[in-house]
Amino acid sequence: MTAPKQLADLSWPNVPDRPLVLVPIGSIEQHGPHLPFDTDTVIAAAAADACVARLIGVIDNEVVIAPPITYGASGEHQMFPGTISIGHDALRIMLIELVRSLSHWAGRIVFVNGHGGNVPTIAEVVNQLIIEQHDVAWVPCAFEGATDAHAGHDETSVMLFLDPQRVDMERAITGNTSHLSEILPDLMESGVRAVSESGVLGNPLHADEAQGRRLFDGLVDDLCTRIFNGSVASNGQLLSPQLS
């Protein structure tokens, strides 16, 4: 199988003509005592890689993966040391200028977003860029049947599959296990630490690699389906065909 083309590894004469470009977007934010700050970025970049490997030979255009955007809008985690958030305004400007630049040589552009806090900005940006006649959309890194919101069972399991040496299960603890809808008002007003001293929203204690593989494979299946034949929703998101 042909390896996915990483833009950073190419020289300009080797850039395909009008390729589909996937742009992973993540964050640098706390993920509890046991997961690394770049968890969202790792998952988004790995999902983009795996998706491209499946799309090679299936779609007409060649596919290139841009370097991931590591910094995002993570203000809700700012009270935890180590978190770096550039905020919505800076993220908005960066994404707009990135697509305007990419459009000089790229065909279709799809953001692969790994951090929920980026969504309002991405949706706003994509809608503006569509009006500007750019061929751009976005897809979420969402796990089917998700059981928790942040640094819990799902993300920990996926990281045990993708990057196990960077997961410290000896430090994993149960956080706030309330449904996100119950704690969202306090979280939005005062940040994650107001609802979880550990920064964990969920229970990572029973996470394991096998479950992570299943969750990740489901994520990649969903992304490939959306990118291959999904329609664009009003917020610029590519929908699965069954939701179109």
Protein backbone atom coordinates (compact mmCIF):
# COMPACT_ATOMS: atom_id res chain seq x y z
CA MET A 1 0.00 0.00 0.00
CA THR A 2 1.25 3.48 -0.91
CA ALA A 3 2.06 5.57 2.15
CA PRO A 4 0.10 8.80 2.66
CA LYS A 5 1.87 11.88 1.30
CA GLN A 6 2.97 14.18 4.11
CA LEU A 7 3.31 17.72 2.77
CA ALA A 8 6.22 18.46 5.10
CA ASP A 9 8.23 15.62 3.54
CA LEU A 10 7.76 16.77 -0.08
CA SER A 11 9.63 19.24 -2.25
CA TRP A 12 7.52 21.54 -4.41
CA PRO A 13 7.96 19.62 -7.71
CA ASN A 14 6.49 16.55 -5.99
CA VAL A 15 3.25 18.20 -4.91
CA PRO A 16 0.37 16.57 -6.83
CA ASP A 17 -1.85 18.63 -9.10
CA ARG A 18 -4.87 20.05 -7.21
CA PRO A 19 -4.82 17.40 -4.47
CA LEU A 20 -7.30 16.84 -1.67
CA VAL A 21 -5.56 18.27 1.40
CA LEU A 22 -6.43 17.08 4.89
CA VAL A 23 -5.50 19.47 7.70
CA PRO A 24 -5.53 17.92 11.20
CA ILE A 25 -6.42 20.36 13.98
CA GLY A 26 -5.88 19.60 17.65
CA SER A 27 -4.92 21.42 20.83
CA ILE A 28 -2.33 21.70 23.56
CA GLU A 29 -4.45 21.29 26.68
CA GLN A 30 -4.53 19.24 29.84
CA HIS A 31 -5.89 15.71 29.56
CA GLY A 32 -5.84 14.71 33.20
CA PRO A 33 -2.84 13.38 35.12
CA HIS A 34 -2.28 10.47 32.73
CA LEU A 35 -2.50 11.72 29.12
CA PRO A 36 -0.22 14.11 27.19
CA PHE A 37 -1.18 17.68 26.30
CA ASP A 38 -1.25 16.93 22.56
CA THR A 39 -3.77 14.06 22.80
CA ASP A 40 -6.28 15.77 20.49
CA THR A 41 -3.57 16.48 17.92
CA VAL A 42 -2.24 12.92 18.03
CA ILE A 43 -5.71 11.49 17.41
CA ALA A 44 -6.58 13.92 14.60
CA ALA A 45 -3.25 13.40 12.82
CA ALA A 46 -3.42 9.61 13.15
CA ALA A 47 -7.00 9.57 11.89
CA ALA A 48 -6.04 11.68 8.87
CA ASP A 49 -3.14 9.32 8.08
CA ALA A 50 -5.28 6.21 8.39
CA CYS A 51 -8.08 7.72 6.34
CA VAL A 52 -5.77 8.70 3.50
CA ALA A 53 -4.30 5.20 3.42
CA ARG A 54 -7.83 3.89 2.78
CA LEU A 55 -8.72 6.57 0.22
CA ILE A 56 -5.67 6.04 -2.01
CA GLY A 57 -6.91 4.59 -5.28
CA VAL A 58 -10.54 5.07 -4.26
CA ILE A 59 -10.91 8.78 -5.01
CA ASP A 60 -9.76 10.49 -8.21
CA ASN A 61 -7.54 13.14 -6.65
CA GLU A 62 -4.28 12.44 -4.90
CA VAL A 63 -4.30 13.22 -1.19
CA VAL A 64 -1.81 15.23 0.84
CA ILE A 65 -1.76 15.63 4.62
CA ALA A 66 -0.75 19.07 5.84
CA PRO A 67 1.22 19.45 9.08
CA PRO A 68 -1.21 19.48 12.02
CA ILE A 69 -2.37 22.70 13.62
CA THR A 70 -1.36 22.04 17.19
CA TYR A 71 -2.71 25.11 18.96
CA GLY A 72 -6.43 25.65 19.30
CA ALA A 73 -9.09 27.39 21.35
CA SER A 74 -8.77 25.76 24.77
CA GLY A 75 -9.70 28.55 27.16
CA GLU A 76 -11.87 26.19 29.21
CA HIS A 77 -8.67 24.34 30.22
CA GLN A 78 -6.51 27.42 30.84
CA MET A 79 -6.61 27.08 34.63
CA PHE A 80 -4.46 23.93 34.34
CA PRO A 81 -0.70 24.56 34.02
CA GLY A 82 0.72 23.64 30.63
CA THR A 83 -2.37 24.44 28.59
CA ILE A 84 -1.69 26.76 25.63
CA SER A 85 -4.73 28.36 24.01
CA ILE A 86 -4.60 30.87 21.18
CA GLY A 87 -8.32 31.67 21.47
CA HIS A 88 -11.04 31.86 18.85
CA ASP A 89 -9.95 35.12 17.20
CA ALA A 90 -6.40 33.98 16.50
CA LEU A 91 -7.57 30.53 15.41
CA ARG A 92 -10.09 32.10 13.06
CA ILE A 93 -7.52 34.29 11.33
CA MET A 94 -5.04 31.42 11.04
CA LEU A 95 -7.56 29.05 9.45
CA ILE A 96 -8.82 31.67 7.00
CA GLU A 97 -5.34 32.59 5.81
CA LEU A 98 -4.31 28.94 5.68
CA VAL A 99 -7.16 28.05 3.31
CA ARG A 100 -6.62 31.13 1.16
CA SER A 101 -2.99 30.09 0.78
CA LEU A 102 -3.73 26.41 0.20
CA SER A 103 -6.28 27.25 -2.49
CA HIS A 104 -3.52 28.51 -4.80
CA TRP A 105 -2.45 24.91 -5.42
CA ALA A 106 -4.85 22.57 -3.63
CA GLY A 107 -8.18 21.28 -4.83
CA ARG A 108 -10.45 20.30 -1.98
CA ILE A 109 -9.51 21.10 1.63
CA VAL A 110 -10.89 19.25 4.65
CA PHE A 111 -10.13 20.09 8.28
CA VAL A 112 -9.94 17.00 10.54
CA ASN A 113 -10.79 18.41 13.95
CA GLY A 114 -9.79 16.63 17.15
CA HIS A 115 -10.84 19.26 19.73
CA GLY A 116 -14.46 20.15 20.43
CA GLY A 117 -13.56 23.65 21.62
CA ASN A 118 -12.44 24.50 18.07
CA VAL A 119 -15.83 23.74 16.52
CA PRO A 120 -17.52 27.17 16.72
CA THR A 121 -14.52 28.81 15.05
CA ILE A 122 -14.10 26.12 12.40
CA ALA A 123 -17.78 26.26 11.48
CA GLU A 124 -17.70 30.06 11.18
CA VAL A 125 -14.49 29.99 9.14
CA VAL A 126 -15.64 27.28 6.75
CA ASN A 127 -18.91 29.06 6.05
CA GLN A 128 -17.07 32.29 5.27
CA LEU A 129 -14.60 30.50 3.02
CA ILE A 130 -17.36 28.69 1.13
CA ILE A 131 -18.89 32.11 0.38
CA GLU A 132 -15.44 33.11 -0.91
CA GLN A 133 -15.70 30.14 -3.33
CA HIS A 134 -13.13 27.91 -1.62
CA ASP A 135 -13.75 24.16 -1.72
CA VAL A 136 -13.48 23.51 2.02
CA ALA A 137 -15.28 21.51 4.70
CA TRP A 138 -14.57 19.89 8.06
CA VAL A 139 -15.06 16.56 9.83
CA PRO A 140 -15.12 15.81 13.58
CA CYS A 141 -13.06 13.16 15.35
CA ALA A 142 -16.03 11.65 17.20
CA PHE A 143 -16.16 8.16 18.65
CA GLU A 144 -19.26 6.08 18.03
CA GLY A 145 -21.08 5.36 21.28
CA ALA A 146 -18.85 7.76 23.23
CA THR A 147 -19.05 7.13 26.97
CA ASP A 148 -17.39 10.29 28.32
CA ALA A 149 -16.31 13.79 27.39
CA HIS A 150 -12.62 14.34 28.13
CA ALA A 151 -9.60 12.22 29.13
CA GLY A 152 -11.86 9.37 30.17
CA HIS A 153 -12.36 5.85 28.88
CA ASP A 154 -12.55 6.68 25.17
CA GLU A 155 -9.59 9.02 24.69
CA THR A 156 -7.44 6.96 27.05
CA SER A 157 -8.25 3.73 25.19
CA VAL A 158 -7.45 5.31 21.82
CA MET A 159 -4.15 6.70 23.11
CA LEU A 160 -3.26 3.26 24.52
CA PHE A 161 -3.70 2.02 20.96
CA LEU A 162 -1.93 4.88 19.17
CA ASP A 163 0.83 5.93 21.57
CA PRO A 164 0.87 3.68 24.66
CA GLN A 165 4.31 4.72 25.92
CA ARG A 166 2.92 8.21 26.56
CA VAL A 167 -0.02 7.04 28.70
CA ASP A 168 0.62 6.77 32.44
CA MET A 169 -2.15 4.48 33.70
CA GLU A 170 -0.64 4.50 37.19
CA ARG A 171 -1.77 8.13 37.46
CA ALA A 172 -5.20 7.65 35.91
CA ILE A 173 -8.10 8.58 38.18
CA THR A 174 -11.85 8.82 37.85
CA GLY A 175 -13.03 12.36 37.22
CA ASN A 176 -16.49 13.87 37.02
CA THR A 177 -18.69 11.17 35.47
CA SER A 178 -21.82 13.31 35.11
CA HIS A 179 -23.29 13.61 31.63
CA LEU A 180 -21.79 16.56 29.79
CA SER A 181 -25.20 18.22 29.47
CA GLU A 182 -25.43 18.39 33.27
CA ILE A 183 -22.11 20.14 33.81
CA LEU A 184 -21.84 22.16 30.59
CA PRO A 185 -23.27 25.44 32.01
CA ASP A 186 -20.71 25.49 34.85
CA LEU A 187 -17.95 24.35 32.52
CA MET A 188 -18.69 27.10 30.00
CA GLU A 189 -18.91 29.77 32.70
CA SER A 190 -15.96 28.79 34.90
CA GLY A 191 -13.90 26.23 32.97
CA VAL A 192 -13.16 22.54 33.39
CA ARG A 193 -11.50 22.85 36.80
CA ALA A 194 -14.77 24.11 38.26
CA VAL A 195 -16.33 20.71 37.54
CA SER A 196 -13.25 18.45 37.82
CA GLU A 197 -10.13 19.10 39.91
CA SER A 198 -8.26 16.42 37.96
CA GLY A 199 -9.35 17.71 34.56
CA VAL A 200 -10.92 14.35 33.75
CA LEU A 201 -14.53 14.13 32.62
CA GLY A 202 -15.18 10.40 32.75
CA ASN A 203 -13.53 7.23 34.01
CA PRO A 204 -10.30 6.07 32.34
CA LEU A 205 -9.54 3.25 34.78
CA HIS A 206 -10.85 0.45 32.54
CA ALA A 207 -9.48 1.77 29.28
CA ASP A 208 -7.52 -0.69 27.15
CA GLU A 209 -5.80 -0.95 23.78
CA ALA A 210 -8.34 -3.33 22.23
CA GLN A 211 -11.19 -0.94 22.90
CA GLY A 212 -9.02 1.88 21.60
CA ARG A 213 -8.43 0.03 18.33
CA ARG A 214 -12.19 -0.51 17.91
CA LEU A 215 -12.97 3.15 18.63
CA PHE A 216 -10.23 4.38 16.32
CA ASP A 217 -11.25 2.08 13.46
CA GLY A 218 -14.83 3.31 13.79
CA LEU A 219 -13.60 6.90 13.72
CA VAL A 220 -11.57 6.32 10.57
CA ASP A 221 -14.47 4.52 8.87
CA ASP A 222 -16.69 7.50 9.63
CA LEU A 223 -14.17 10.06 8.37
CA CYS A 224 -13.53 8.18 5.13
CA THR A 225 -17.26 7.86 4.47
CA ARG A 226 -17.84 11.56 5.07
CA ILE A 227 -14.89 12.63 2.92
CA PHE A 228 -15.71 10.20 0.09
CA ASN A 229 -19.42 10.88 -0.32
CA GLY A 230 -20.78 13.06 2.47
CA SER A 231 -22.75 16.24 1.82
CA VAL A 232 -21.91 19.58 3.44
CA ALA A 233 -24.18 20.70 6.29
CA SER A 234 -25.12 24.29 7.05
CA ASN A 235 -22.17 24.54 9.48
CA GLY A 236 -19.68 23.34 6.86
CA GLN A 237 -19.39 19.85 8.34
CA LEU A 238 -19.32 16.84 6.04
CA LEU A 239 -22.18 14.55 6.99
CA SER A 240 -22.32 10.78 6.77
CA PRO A 241 -24.56 9.74 3.85
CA GLN A 242 -27.20 8.39 6.22
CA LEU A 243 -27.43 11.86 7.82
CA SER A 244 -27.43 13.77 4.53
